[in-house]
């Protein structure tokens, strides 16, 4: 939705636009070879295109300096999209490959996540962060903490992220040879690994909390998300789940269809999930729950924040508008534009906004934007979230005009105007200066990495392959906390000199950090669990200090009332 009153563009912006508008369409035609005949039934459009193509060809053939048509095309495309909206984007063939891997939730390679560690003379060292379960690296015996020193005889010292991906990714069935240095092992290890298709899971965690509460966290909506969600939902139900937390914080969206299918598991058959409306007839469509939902009864709570966008907002909006559950957290991102991807003949693609989507009550979730100016777009969103930070949804209603008030199925008032405004706004927790320093310098990650190098094998031997045993049984002892304090002090961060654990807590209090000791324990244990097992182990550790999650658990009576109201209306 563009602003009704648009600001006048600065003079230099208008000049740049005039400079690039001439070759824009012709450049796309020249480089990508798109057939646009079917789109040019309008005589004015066809005439304008011919004029632009003539000028482009003259520039390409007669300009005083040699021009690069590919470079001109990229500038032209960027200029064209800047005049549209912030979510219409162009991908060259290489960029598109990475995007497709994210949406397809798979790639072909050896099956590790990696990190680059600072080495001698500033040259990074390639280290295995996690081995993906069921992948070829796990089968070959690669372990967390292994340093990959050579790939097919080429030293990895000084590799960049792109170098790693270029050398380790590859077609399924091809072989790659690695020489590996394992902490605690004197000789170099050698592995011959056959690349395979590696899944990228979109579900970060699914586990049972206390009080028959199930927890599911989704990081995006890709092709596999619905199947992952359903498998976890069935498992939690079998474990006796009576109420569900669906965590969509940080979830930037993905496939709309996945959001529609997941929403349908909470709703009655025939209930509207989302509708979309655009310029062309084929962009106007409505999507409904198909019935037989696996969680149509029982309390549900959806956690959101300022990074929950697009498909996440479809799910949150449908659950809120049909009074199916509580939305808790911060105002969501506000991305209510639908993109369709058009392939170009050179392997690139244009992802073009073709419609706006609306929640069941009729709310447009998209926030205002000024053309495709992404910098202004994202900064304005940050200001919007900050303004909401200390208010409740009820307090926001006081100043909301009637045009932004909508009614849910049961007659509750919900607010439009950009993003999904939660039923209960919980401001983001603030960190102390000390914890910001620890996290900002990644001290906890550096410390745990060195700790795993020394003690990782004994930890795995003691706690086995089941992360639940580690999560429920492992506790940081005094020696480990003292070691971290010494590690931090060596890097200029003081957590108390030669203090016991109890005295350290007093030191935190003096620094207005009464809860920082528990936070630090959870941070170190969570990072350790992630390295010894995988990322899913982080969430059941961190939940004990997760401010929003803890606050949300006080709201189950309200969520239960909504669940009862929804069931009675069946």
Protein backbone atom coordinates (compact mmCIF):
# COMPACT_ATOMS: atom_id res chain seq x y z
CA UNK A 1 0.00 0.00 0.00
CA UNK A 2 1.69 3.20 -1.10
CA UNK A 3 1.19 6.30 0.95
CA UNK A 4 -1.62 8.57 -0.20
CA UNK A 5 0.60 11.63 0.13
CA UNK A 6 3.96 10.80 -1.33
CA UNK A 7 7.00 12.90 -0.57
CA UNK A 8 8.65 14.71 -3.46
CA UNK A 9 11.79 12.89 -4.54
CA UNK A 10 15.08 14.74 -4.10
CA UNK A 11 16.40 16.23 -7.34
CA UNK A 12 19.33 13.79 -7.58
CA UNK A 13 16.92 10.85 -7.18
CA UNK A 14 14.80 12.12 -10.09
CA UNK A 15 17.92 12.54 -12.22
CA UNK A 16 19.05 8.98 -11.45
CA UNK A 17 15.61 7.68 -12.31
CA UNK A 18 15.58 9.50 -15.67
CA UNK A 19 19.09 8.19 -16.33
CA UNK A 20 18.09 4.56 -15.96
CA UNK A 21 14.46 4.49 -17.02
CA UNK A 22 15.39 4.47 -20.73
CA UNK A 23 17.34 1.19 -20.79
CA UNK A 24 15.30 -0.58 -18.12
CA UNK A 25 12.93 -2.73 -20.13
CA UNK A 26 15.25 -3.07 -23.11
CA UNK A 27 18.06 -4.28 -20.84
CA UNK A 28 15.85 -6.99 -19.42
CA UNK A 29 14.84 -7.99 -22.93
CA UNK A 30 18.41 -7.89 -24.27
CA UNK A 31 20.02 -9.93 -21.50
CA UNK A 32 17.28 -12.30 -20.42
CA UNK A 33 15.37 -12.82 -23.65
CA UNK A 34 11.94 -12.61 -22.06
CA UNK A 35 9.02 -12.98 -24.44
CA UNK A 36 6.66 -10.14 -23.60
CA UNK A 37 4.39 -10.19 -26.64
CA UNK A 38 1.49 -11.51 -24.60
CA UNK A 39 1.79 -8.63 -22.14
CA UNK A 40 1.90 -5.86 -24.76
CA UNK A 41 -1.66 -5.80 -26.07
CA UNK A 42 -1.79 -2.13 -25.08
CA UNK A 43 -0.52 -0.12 -28.08
CA UNK A 44 1.03 2.56 -25.86
CA UNK A 45 3.06 -0.05 -24.00
CA UNK A 46 4.28 -1.61 -27.24
CA UNK A 47 5.28 1.78 -28.67
CA UNK A 48 7.11 2.76 -25.47
CA UNK A 49 8.96 -0.55 -25.43
CA UNK A 50 10.11 -0.09 -29.02
CA UNK A 51 11.38 3.41 -28.25
CA UNK A 52 13.30 2.18 -25.21
CA UNK A 53 14.80 -0.73 -27.13
CA UNK A 54 15.97 1.61 -29.92
CA UNK A 55 17.73 3.87 -27.42
CA UNK A 56 19.33 0.94 -25.62
CA UNK A 57 20.74 -0.51 -28.85
CA UNK A 58 22.16 2.87 -29.85
CA UNK A 59 23.87 3.21 -26.45
CA UNK A 60 25.24 -0.31 -26.71
CA UNK A 61 26.62 0.20 -30.24
CA UNK A 62 27.51 3.90 -30.42
CA UNK A 63 28.37 5.18 -26.94
CA UNK A 64 31.83 6.78 -26.64
CA UNK A 65 32.99 4.07 -24.23
CA UNK A 66 32.44 0.32 -24.32
CA UNK A 67 29.40 -0.63 -22.22
CA UNK A 68 28.66 -3.89 -20.41
CA UNK A 69 25.06 -4.83 -21.22
CA UNK A 70 24.86 -7.18 -18.22
CA UNK A 71 25.94 -4.43 -15.84
CA UNK A 72 23.53 -1.96 -17.41
CA UNK A 73 20.76 -4.53 -17.17
CA UNK A 74 21.38 -5.06 -13.45
CA UNK A 75 21.34 -1.31 -12.77
CA UNK A 76 18.21 -1.02 -14.88
CA UNK A 77 16.38 -3.81 -13.08
CA UNK A 78 17.36 -2.39 -9.70
CA UNK A 79 16.04 1.01 -10.76
CA UNK A 80 12.78 -0.43 -12.00
CA UNK A 81 12.14 -2.36 -8.79
CA UNK A 82 13.00 0.62 -6.63
CA UNK A 83 9.99 2.35 -8.14
CA UNK A 84 7.65 -0.50 -7.11
CA UNK A 85 7.64 -1.98 -3.59
CA UNK A 86 10.24 -3.31 -1.14
CA UNK A 87 9.44 -6.98 -1.76
CA UNK A 88 9.65 -7.25 -5.55
CA UNK A 89 13.15 -8.61 -6.18
CA UNK A 90 15.35 -9.95 -8.97
CA UNK A 91 17.64 -12.98 -8.61
CA UNK A 92 20.45 -13.85 -10.97
CA UNK A 93 20.96 -17.57 -11.59
CA UNK A 94 23.43 -18.07 -8.72
CA UNK A 95 21.35 -16.15 -6.19
CA UNK A 96 18.27 -18.07 -7.28
CA UNK A 97 19.95 -21.39 -6.55
CA UNK A 98 20.48 -20.37 -2.92
CA UNK A 99 16.91 -19.10 -2.63
CA UNK A 100 15.51 -22.33 -4.01
CA UNK A 101 17.53 -24.37 -1.52
CA UNK A 102 15.97 -22.39 1.30
CA UNK A 103 12.43 -22.82 -0.01
CA UNK A 104 12.93 -26.45 -1.02
CA UNK A 105 14.45 -27.12 2.44
CA UNK A 106 17.31 -29.18 1.00
CA UNK A 107 20.67 -28.95 -0.74
CA UNK A 108 23.27 -31.36 -2.07
CA UNK A 109 26.53 -31.60 -0.15
CA UNK A 110 28.28 -33.43 2.70
CA UNK A 111 25.86 -32.50 5.50
CA UNK A 112 27.53 -30.18 8.00
CA UNK A 113 27.05 -26.70 9.37
CA UNK A 114 30.35 -24.89 9.70
CA UNK A 115 32.09 -21.89 11.17
CA UNK A 116 35.30 -20.08 10.27
CA UNK A 117 37.66 -19.68 13.24
CA UNK A 118 40.32 -16.95 13.36
CA UNK A 119 43.69 -18.55 12.63
CA UNK A 120 47.32 -17.53 12.34
CA UNK A 121 48.08 -14.34 10.39
CA UNK A 122 44.37 -13.61 10.12
CA UNK A 123 43.71 -16.67 7.93
CA UNK A 124 40.50 -18.43 8.99
CA UNK A 125 40.29 -22.14 9.79
CA UNK A 126 37.29 -24.22 8.72
CA UNK A 127 35.61 -25.98 11.65
CA UNK A 128 32.60 -28.31 11.87
CA UNK A 129 29.89 -26.67 13.97
CA UNK A 130 27.35 -29.50 13.73
CA UNK A 131 27.01 -32.71 11.74
CA UNK A 132 23.53 -33.00 10.23
CA UNK A 133 21.86 -36.21 11.46
CA UNK A 134 21.46 -38.87 8.81
CA UNK A 135 23.80 -37.13 6.35
CA UNK A 136 26.93 -38.51 4.70
CA UNK A 137 29.31 -36.73 7.10
CA UNK A 138 27.69 -38.42 10.10
CA UNK A 139 27.94 -41.77 8.36
CA UNK A 140 31.62 -41.15 7.58
CA UNK A 141 32.38 -40.24 11.21
CA UNK A 142 32.94 -36.47 11.09
CA UNK A 143 32.41 -34.82 14.49
CA UNK A 144 31.58 -31.41 15.92
CA UNK A 145 34.81 -29.47 16.45
CA UNK A 146 36.76 -31.17 13.66
CA UNK A 147 39.01 -28.77 11.73
CA UNK A 148 38.86 -29.42 7.99
CA UNK A 149 42.37 -28.61 6.80
CA UNK A 150 42.17 -29.78 3.17
CA UNK A 151 39.42 -30.39 0.61
CA UNK A 152 40.49 -32.53 -2.39
CA UNK A 153 44.12 -31.66 -1.69
CA UNK A 154 43.52 -27.90 -1.44
CA UNK A 155 44.27 -26.15 1.85
CA UNK A 156 41.24 -24.54 3.46
CA UNK A 157 43.30 -22.02 5.44
CA UNK A 158 41.93 -18.60 4.57
CA UNK A 159 38.69 -19.95 3.06
CA UNK A 160 35.69 -17.61 2.89
CA UNK A 161 32.07 -18.69 3.32
CA UNK A 162 31.72 -18.82 -0.46
CA UNK A 163 34.87 -20.95 -0.76
CA UNK A 164 33.44 -23.46 1.71
CA UNK A 165 30.13 -23.75 -0.08
CA UNK A 166 31.79 -23.95 -3.49
CA UNK A 167 34.07 -26.80 -2.41
CA UNK A 168 31.81 -28.82 -0.09
CA UNK A 169 28.50 -28.51 -1.90
CA UNK A 170 28.14 -30.43 -5.12
CA UNK A 171 26.00 -32.86 -7.10
CA UNK A 172 24.62 -35.86 -5.30
CA UNK A 173 26.80 -38.95 -5.82
CA UNK A 174 30.10 -37.07 -6.28
CA UNK A 175 32.98 -37.67 -3.88
CA UNK A 176 35.03 -35.22 -1.85
CA UNK A 177 38.21 -36.05 0.12
CA UNK A 178 38.89 -34.29 3.43
CA UNK A 179 41.92 -34.13 5.70
CA UNK A 180 40.81 -33.34 9.24
CA UNK A 181 42.53 -32.30 12.43
CA UNK A 182 40.60 -33.51 15.47
CA UNK A 183 41.25 -31.87 18.85
CA UNK A 184 43.00 -34.39 21.14
CA UNK A 185 44.10 -36.63 18.24
CA UNK A 186 47.72 -36.38 17.12
CA UNK A 187 47.53 -37.70 13.57
CA UNK A 188 45.58 -36.15 10.72
CA UNK A 189 42.36 -38.01 9.82
CA UNK A 190 41.22 -38.64 6.25
CA UNK A 191 37.64 -39.01 5.02
CA UNK A 192 36.20 -39.78 1.58
CA UNK A 193 32.59 -38.61 1.61
CA UNK A 194 29.95 -39.14 -1.08
CA UNK A 195 27.76 -36.06 -1.40
CA UNK A 196 24.02 -36.57 -1.01
CA UNK A 197 20.77 -34.62 -0.70
CA UNK A 198 20.75 -32.90 2.70
CA UNK A 199 17.50 -31.80 4.36
CA UNK A 200 17.22 -28.29 5.81
CA UNK A 201 14.73 -28.61 8.61
CA UNK A 202 12.29 -25.73 9.10
CA UNK A 203 11.20 -26.91 12.55
CA UNK A 204 13.76 -25.84 15.16
CA UNK A 205 12.30 -27.64 18.15
CA UNK A 206 9.31 -29.64 19.40
CA UNK A 207 9.18 -30.85 22.99
CA UNK A 208 6.97 -31.11 26.07
CA UNK A 209 7.23 -28.38 28.68
CA UNK A 210 5.80 -28.74 32.17
CA UNK A 211 2.05 -28.87 32.79
CA UNK A 212 1.11 -30.86 29.67
CA UNK A 213 2.27 -27.93 27.51
CA UNK A 214 3.68 -28.70 24.08
CA UNK A 215 6.08 -26.36 22.28
CA UNK A 216 6.77 -26.12 18.53
CA UNK A 217 9.07 -23.58 16.91
CA UNK A 218 9.14 -22.99 13.14
CA UNK A 219 11.93 -20.95 11.53
CA UNK A 220 10.33 -20.55 8.06
CA UNK A 221 7.63 -21.95 5.76
CA UNK A 222 9.20 -24.16 3.09
CA UNK A 223 8.00 -27.18 1.11
CA UNK A 224 8.57 -29.58 4.01
CA UNK A 225 7.17 -27.41 6.82
CA UNK A 226 3.66 -28.85 6.96
CA UNK A 227 4.93 -32.43 7.13
CA UNK A 228 7.46 -31.52 9.82
CA UNK A 229 4.79 -29.70 11.80
CA UNK A 230 2.28 -32.54 11.58
CA UNK A 231 4.82 -35.18 12.63
CA UNK A 232 5.75 -33.14 15.70
CA UNK A 233 2.12 -32.35 16.54
CA UNK A 234 1.24 -36.06 16.47
CA UNK A 235 4.22 -36.89 18.68
CA UNK A 236 3.32 -34.25 21.26
CA UNK A 237 -0.32 -35.36 21.32
CA UNK A 238 0.82 -38.92 21.92
CA UNK A 239 2.89 -37.63 24.86
CA UNK A 240 -0.21 -36.15 26.48
CA UNK A 241 -0.15 -32.55 25.25
CA UNK A 242 -3.19 -30.57 26.40
CA UNK A 243 -2.16 -27.07 25.26
CA UNK A 244 0.24 -25.80 22.61
CA UNK A 245 2.74 -22.97 22.23
CA UNK A 246 3.48 -22.21 18.55
CA UNK A 247 6.61 -20.06 18.43
CA UNK A 248 6.90 -17.98 15.25
CA UNK A 249 9.42 -15.45 16.54
CA UNK A 250 12.01 -14.63 13.89
CA UNK A 251 10.07 -16.54 11.23
CA UNK A 252 10.22 -14.39 8.09
CA UNK A 253 7.68 -16.45 6.17
CA UNK A 254 7.90 -18.43 2.95
CA UNK A 255 5.24 -20.39 1.07
CA UNK A 256 1.72 -19.08 1.64
CA UNK A 257 0.27 -22.54 1.01
CA UNK A 258 2.22 -23.98 3.95
CA UNK A 259 0.78 -21.27 6.21
CA UNK A 260 -2.73 -22.03 4.96
CA UNK A 261 -2.38 -25.76 5.60
CA UNK A 262 -0.93 -25.28 9.09
CA UNK A 263 -3.64 -22.74 9.97
CA UNK A 264 -6.22 -25.27 8.85
CA UNK A 265 -5.07 -27.69 11.57
CA UNK A 266 -6.41 -25.23 14.17
CA UNK A 267 -9.65 -24.18 12.43
CA UNK A 268 -13.03 -25.64 11.51
CA UNK A 269 -13.74 -26.76 7.98
CA UNK A 270 -14.72 -23.88 5.71
CA UNK A 271 -13.30 -21.07 7.85
CA UNK A 272 -11.43 -18.43 5.86
CA UNK A 273 -7.66 -18.45 6.46
CA UNK A 274 -6.54 -15.62 4.19
CA UNK A 275 -7.63 -13.81 1.03
CA UNK A 276 -5.62 -11.96 -1.58
CA UNK A 277 -6.53 -9.22 -4.04
CA UNK A 278 -4.55 -7.79 -6.95
CA UNK A 279 -4.87 -6.02 -10.29
CA UNK A 280 -5.55 -9.12 -12.42
CA UNK A 281 -8.41 -11.56 -11.97
CA UNK A 282 -6.12 -14.53 -11.38
CA UNK A 283 -4.56 -12.74 -8.39
CA UNK A 284 -7.89 -12.58 -6.54
CA UNK A 285 -8.30 -15.69 -4.39
CA UNK A 286 -9.47 -16.91 -0.99
CA UNK A 287 -8.10 -19.86 1.00
CA UNK A 288 -10.12 -21.89 3.51
CA UNK A 289 -9.53 -24.54 6.18
CA UNK A 290 -10.31 -27.98 4.78
CA UNK A 291 -11.46 -29.61 8.01
CA UNK A 292 -10.30 -32.53 10.16
CA UNK A 293 -7.70 -30.35 11.84
CA UNK A 294 -5.40 -32.16 14.24
CA UNK A 295 -5.60 -29.39 16.87
CA UNK A 296 -9.08 -27.91 16.47
CA UNK A 297 -9.61 -28.14 20.23
CA UNK A 298 -7.37 -27.28 23.16
CA UNK A 299 -5.75 -23.95 24.10
CA UNK A 300 -3.16 -22.50 21.75
CA UNK A 301 -0.80 -19.56 22.09
CA UNK A 302 1.24 -18.04 19.25
CA UNK A 303 4.45 -16.17 20.08
CA UNK A 304 5.48 -13.43 17.63
CA UNK A 305 7.93 -10.56 17.39
CA UNK A 306 8.99 -7.82 14.99
CA UNK A 307 10.66 -10.35 12.69
CA UNK A 308 7.59 -12.57 12.31
CA UNK A 309 6.48 -11.85 8.76
CA UNK A 310 4.42 -12.91 5.76
CA UNK A 311 3.34 -16.54 6.21
CA UNK A 312 3.80 -16.18 9.98
CA UNK A 313 1.34 -13.31 9.92
CA UNK A 314 -1.16 -15.39 7.95
CA UNK A 315 -1.14 -18.03 10.70
CA UNK A 316 -1.27 -15.49 13.54
CA UNK A 317 -3.99 -13.45 11.81
CA UNK A 318 -6.21 -16.47 11.13
CA UNK A 319 -5.91 -17.77 14.71
CA UNK A 320 -6.57 -14.32 16.16
CA UNK A 321 -9.48 -13.38 13.87
CA UNK A 322 -11.31 -16.65 14.54
CA UNK A 323 -10.70 -16.37 18.31
CA UNK A 324 -8.88 -19.70 18.20
CA UNK A 325 -5.97 -18.68 20.42
CA UNK A 326 -3.94 -15.86 21.94
CA UNK A 327 -1.25 -13.95 20.08
CA UNK A 328 1.52 -12.87 22.48
CA UNK A 329 4.68 -10.82 21.98
CA UNK A 330 5.43 -7.77 19.84
CA UNK A 331 3.80 -6.30 16.72
CA UNK A 332 4.78 -8.40 13.73
CA UNK A 333 6.74 -7.18 10.72
CA UNK A 334 3.82 -6.19 8.49
CA UNK A 335 4.54 -7.92 5.18
CA UNK A 336 1.22 -8.40 3.41
CA UNK A 337 2.31 -8.52 -0.22
CA UNK A 338 2.07 -11.65 -2.35
CA UNK A 339 4.91 -12.43 -4.75
CA UNK A 340 4.86 -14.64 -7.83
CA UNK A 341 8.11 -15.85 -9.33
CA UNK A 342 8.64 -15.55 -13.09
CA UNK A 343 11.56 -17.46 -14.60
CA UNK A 344 13.66 -15.71 -17.23
CA UNK A 345 15.37 -17.55 -20.05
CA UNK A 346 18.92 -17.07 -18.75
CA UNK A 347 18.11 -18.88 -15.47
CA UNK A 348 17.43 -15.72 -13.48
CA UNK A 349 14.04 -14.89 -12.01
CA UNK A 350 11.81 -11.96 -11.11
CA UNK A 351 9.82 -12.30 -7.90
CA UNK A 352 7.08 -9.75 -8.47
CA UNK A 353 4.39 -8.52 -6.10
CA UNK A 354 1.04 -9.42 -7.67
CA UNK A 355 -1.44 -9.02 -4.79
CA UNK A 356 -2.05 -7.94 -1.19
CA UNK A 357 -3.34 -10.36 1.37
CA UNK A 358 -5.97 -9.83 4.05
CA UNK A 359 -6.77 -11.64 7.30
CA UNK A 360 -10.25 -13.21 7.76
CA UNK A 361 -11.58 -10.04 9.44
CA UNK A 362 -10.44 -7.98 6.44
CA UNK A 363 -7.24 -6.45 7.86
CA UNK A 364 -4.46 -5.52 5.46
CA UNK A 365 -1.24 -6.50 7.24
CA UNK A 366 1.15 -4.62 4.93
CA UNK A 367 2.59 -1.44 6.41
CA UNK A 368 2.96 1.75 4.39
CA UNK A 369 5.96 2.14 2.13
CA UNK A 370 7.40 4.80 -0.13
CA UNK A 371 8.05 3.03 -3.43
CA UNK A 372 10.75 0.38 -3.09
CA UNK A 373 13.02 2.31 -0.75
CA UNK A 374 14.13 -0.57 1.47
CA UNK A 375 16.23 1.52 3.87
CA UNK A 376 13.34 3.85 4.71
CA UNK A 377 10.95 0.88 4.80
CA UNK A 378 12.88 -1.08 7.43
CA UNK A 379 13.80 1.95 9.56
CA UNK A 380 10.14 3.01 9.70
CA UNK A 381 9.19 -0.47 10.90
CA UNK A 382 11.75 -0.30 13.69
CA UNK A 383 10.27 3.01 14.84
CA UNK A 384 6.76 1.53 14.74
CA UNK A 385 7.74 -1.42 16.95
CA UNK A 386 9.49 0.87 19.42
CA UNK A 387 6.36 3.02 19.78
CA UNK A 388 4.31 -0.07 20.71
CA UNK A 389 6.86 -1.37 23.15
CA UNK A 390 5.40 -0.18 26.44
CA UNK A 391 1.70 -0.41 25.55
CA UNK A 392 -0.90 -3.12 25.84
CA UNK A 393 -3.30 -3.93 23.03
CA UNK A 394 -6.13 -2.42 25.09
CA UNK A 395 -4.17 0.83 25.52
CA UNK A 396 -3.48 0.99 21.80
CA UNK A 397 -7.23 0.81 21.10
CA UNK A 398 -7.80 4.15 22.83
CA UNK A 399 -6.25 6.13 19.98
CA UNK A 400 -7.15 3.83 17.09
CA UNK A 401 -9.58 5.32 14.54
CA UNK A 402 -12.65 3.34 13.50
CA UNK A 403 -11.13 2.67 10.08
CA UNK A 404 -8.45 0.51 11.74
CA UNK A 405 -10.83 -1.39 14.05
CA UNK A 406 -11.98 -4.83 12.92
CA UNK A 407 -14.05 -7.52 14.60
CA UNK A 408 -13.17 -11.16 15.13
CA UNK A 409 -15.66 -13.99 14.67
CA UNK A 410 -16.71 -13.67 18.33
CA UNK A 411 -16.89 -9.86 18.23
CA UNK A 412 -13.54 -8.98 19.80
CA UNK A 413 -11.86 -5.85 18.44
CA UNK A 414 -8.53 -6.27 16.65
CA UNK A 415 -6.34 -3.56 15.18
CA UNK A 416 -5.12 -3.05 11.62
CA UNK A 417 -2.54 -0.55 10.44
CA UNK A 418 0.53 -2.70 9.91
CA UNK A 419 1.43 -6.15 11.16
CA UNK A 420 -0.46 -8.29 13.64
CA UNK A 421 -0.83 -6.52 16.98
CA UNK A 422 -0.81 -9.22 19.69
CA UNK A 423 -3.63 -9.69 22.17
CA UNK A 424 -0.97 -9.30 24.86
CA UNK A 425 2.04 -7.12 24.10
CA UNK A 426 5.16 -8.20 25.97
CA UNK A 427 8.05 -5.77 25.36
CA UNK A 428 11.33 -7.34 24.34
CA UNK A 429 13.60 -8.05 27.30
CA UNK A 430 16.61 -5.78 27.64
CA UNK A 431 20.09 -7.08 28.38
CA UNK A 432 22.56 -5.64 30.85
CA UNK A 433 25.69 -3.91 29.48
CA UNK A 434 27.75 -6.90 30.60
CA UNK A 435 25.59 -9.44 28.79
CA UNK A 436 25.53 -7.26 25.68
CA UNK A 437 29.32 -7.32 25.80
CA UNK A 438 29.46 -11.10 26.25
CA UNK A 439 27.06 -11.69 23.36
CA UNK A 440 28.46 -8.90 21.19
CA UNK A 441 31.96 -10.38 21.40
CA UNK A 442 30.62 -13.94 21.20
CA UNK A 443 32.61 -14.80 24.32
CA UNK A 444 30.28 -17.63 25.28
CA UNK A 445 30.65 -19.24 21.84
CA UNK A 446 34.42 -18.96 21.89
CA UNK A 447 34.60 -20.43 25.39
CA UNK A 448 32.27 -23.35 24.66
CA UNK A 449 34.18 -24.13 21.46
CA UNK A 450 37.44 -24.51 23.40
CA UNK A 451 35.60 -26.47 26.13
CA UNK A 452 34.18 -28.93 23.60
CA UNK A 453 37.63 -29.38 22.05
CA UNK A 454 38.89 -30.67 25.41
CA UNK A 455 35.84 -32.29 27.00
CA UNK A 456 33.48 -33.00 24.09
CA UNK A 457 34.34 -36.71 23.80
CA UNK A 458 33.83 -37.34 27.52
CA UNK A 459 30.53 -35.40 27.46
CA UNK A 460 29.20 -37.57 24.64
CA UNK A 461 30.39 -40.70 26.38
CA UNK A 462 28.66 -39.73 29.63
CA UNK A 463 25.38 -38.37 28.26
CA UNK A 464 25.02 -40.47 25.13
CA UNK A 465 23.19 -39.56 21.94
CA UNK A 466 19.93 -38.56 23.65
CA UNK A 467 19.90 -34.78 24.24
CA UNK A 468 17.06 -35.07 26.77
CA UNK A 469 19.36 -36.77 29.26
CA UNK A 470 21.88 -33.94 28.90
CA UNK A 471 19.24 -31.18 29.05
CA UNK A 472 17.62 -32.57 32.19
CA UNK A 473 20.75 -33.80 33.96
CA UNK A 474 23.71 -31.59 33.13
CA UNK A 475 24.50 -28.66 35.42
CA UNK A 476 27.34 -26.18 35.12
CA UNK A 477 29.69 -26.69 38.05
CA UNK A 478 31.80 -24.10 39.86
CA UNK A 479 34.91 -25.06 37.90
CA UNK A 480 33.25 -24.37 34.55
CA UNK A 481 31.90 -20.99 35.67
CA UNK A 482 35.29 -20.04 37.11
CA UNK A 483 36.91 -21.07 33.82
CA UNK A 484 34.53 -18.83 31.90
CA UNK A 485 35.18 -15.89 34.21
CA UNK A 486 38.92 -16.32 33.66
CA UNK A 487 38.36 -16.66 29.92
CA UNK A 488 36.31 -13.44 29.85
CA UNK A 489 38.78 -11.59 32.09
CA UNK A 490 41.64 -12.45 29.70
CA UNK A 491 39.62 -10.64 27.06
CA UNK A 492 38.93 -7.57 29.18
CA UNK A 493 35.48 -8.48 30.56
CA UNK A 494 35.28 -8.76 34.35
CA UNK A 495 32.66 -11.00 35.91
CA UNK A 496 34.19 -10.83 39.40
CA UNK A 497 37.73 -11.65 40.54
CA UNK A 498 38.23 -15.09 42.11
CA UNK A 499 34.62 -15.28 43.31
CA UNK A 500 32.63 -18.36 44.17
CA UNK A 501 29.32 -18.90 42.40
CA UNK A 502 27.32 -17.35 45.27
CA UNK A 503 29.66 -14.36 45.46
CA UNK A 504 29.41 -13.97 41.71
CA UNK A 505 25.64 -13.63 42.05
CA UNK A 506 26.20 -10.81 44.56
CA UNK A 507 28.54 -9.14 42.11
CA UNK A 508 25.84 -9.30 39.44
CA UNK A 509 23.42 -7.65 41.88
CA UNK A 510 25.84 -4.79 42.45
CA UNK A 511 25.82 -4.24 38.69
CA UNK A 512 22.01 -4.29 38.60
CA UNK A 513 22.07 -7.80 37.18
CA UNK A 514 20.33 -9.88 39.83
CA UNK A 515 19.23 -12.48 37.26
CA UNK A 516 22.38 -12.48 35.18
CA UNK A 517 23.90 -15.52 36.91
CA UNK A 518 20.98 -17.71 35.81
CA UNK A 519 21.07 -16.13 32.35
CA UNK A 520 24.77 -16.85 32.04
CA UNK A 521 24.31 -20.47 33.14
CA UNK A 522 21.55 -20.99 30.58
CA UNK A 523 23.59 -19.29 27.86
CA UNK A 524 26.62 -21.49 28.40
CA UNK A 525 24.59 -24.68 28.78
CA UNK A 526 22.54 -23.86 25.68
CA UNK A 527 25.62 -23.22 23.55
CA UNK A 528 27.15 -26.45 24.85
CA UNK A 529 24.00 -28.45 24.07
CA UNK A 530 23.93 -26.99 20.55
CA UNK A 531 27.49 -28.08 19.82
CA UNK A 532 27.28 -31.51 21.41
CA UNK A 533 23.88 -32.28 19.83
CA UNK A 534 22.19 -29.78 17.48
CA UNK A 535 20.28 -26.51 17.45
CA UNK A 536 17.06 -28.11 18.71
CA UNK A 537 18.72 -28.68 22.09
CA UNK A 538 19.04 -24.92 22.62
CA UNK A 539 15.34 -24.22 23.15
CA UNK A 540 14.49 -26.50 26.11
CA UNK A 541 17.58 -25.12 27.87
CA UNK A 542 16.88 -21.46 27.16
CA UNK A 543 13.17 -21.63 28.01
CA UNK A 544 13.94 -21.26 31.73
CA UNK A 545 15.18 -17.69 31.10
CA UNK A 546 13.19 -16.85 27.93
CA UNK A 547 11.39 -13.68 29.05
CA UNK A 548 8.53 -13.81 26.52
CA UNK A 549 7.95 -17.52 26.94
CA UNK A 550 7.87 -17.19 30.73
CA UNK A 551 5.44 -14.26 30.56
CA UNK A 552 3.18 -16.10 28.13
CA UNK A 553 2.71 -19.00 30.55
CA UNK A 554 0.78 -16.69 32.87
CA UNK A 555 -1.90 -16.27 30.18
CA UNK A 556 -3.19 -19.83 29.89
CA UNK A 557 -6.48 -19.00 31.68
CA UNK A 558 -7.29 -16.48 28.91
CA UNK A 559 -6.21 -18.91 26.20
CA UNK A 560 -8.38 -21.58 27.80
CA UNK A 561 -11.41 -19.29 27.76
CA UNK A 562 -10.92 -18.66 24.04
CA UNK A 563 -10.57 -22.39 23.38
CA UNK A 564 -13.84 -23.06 25.23
CA UNK A 565 -15.59 -20.24 23.36
CA UNK A 566 -14.35 -21.63 20.04
CA UNK A 567 -15.51 -25.17 20.88
CA UNK A 568 -18.97 -23.98 21.94
CA UNK A 569 -19.43 -22.29 18.57
CA UNK A 570 -18.86 -25.52 16.63
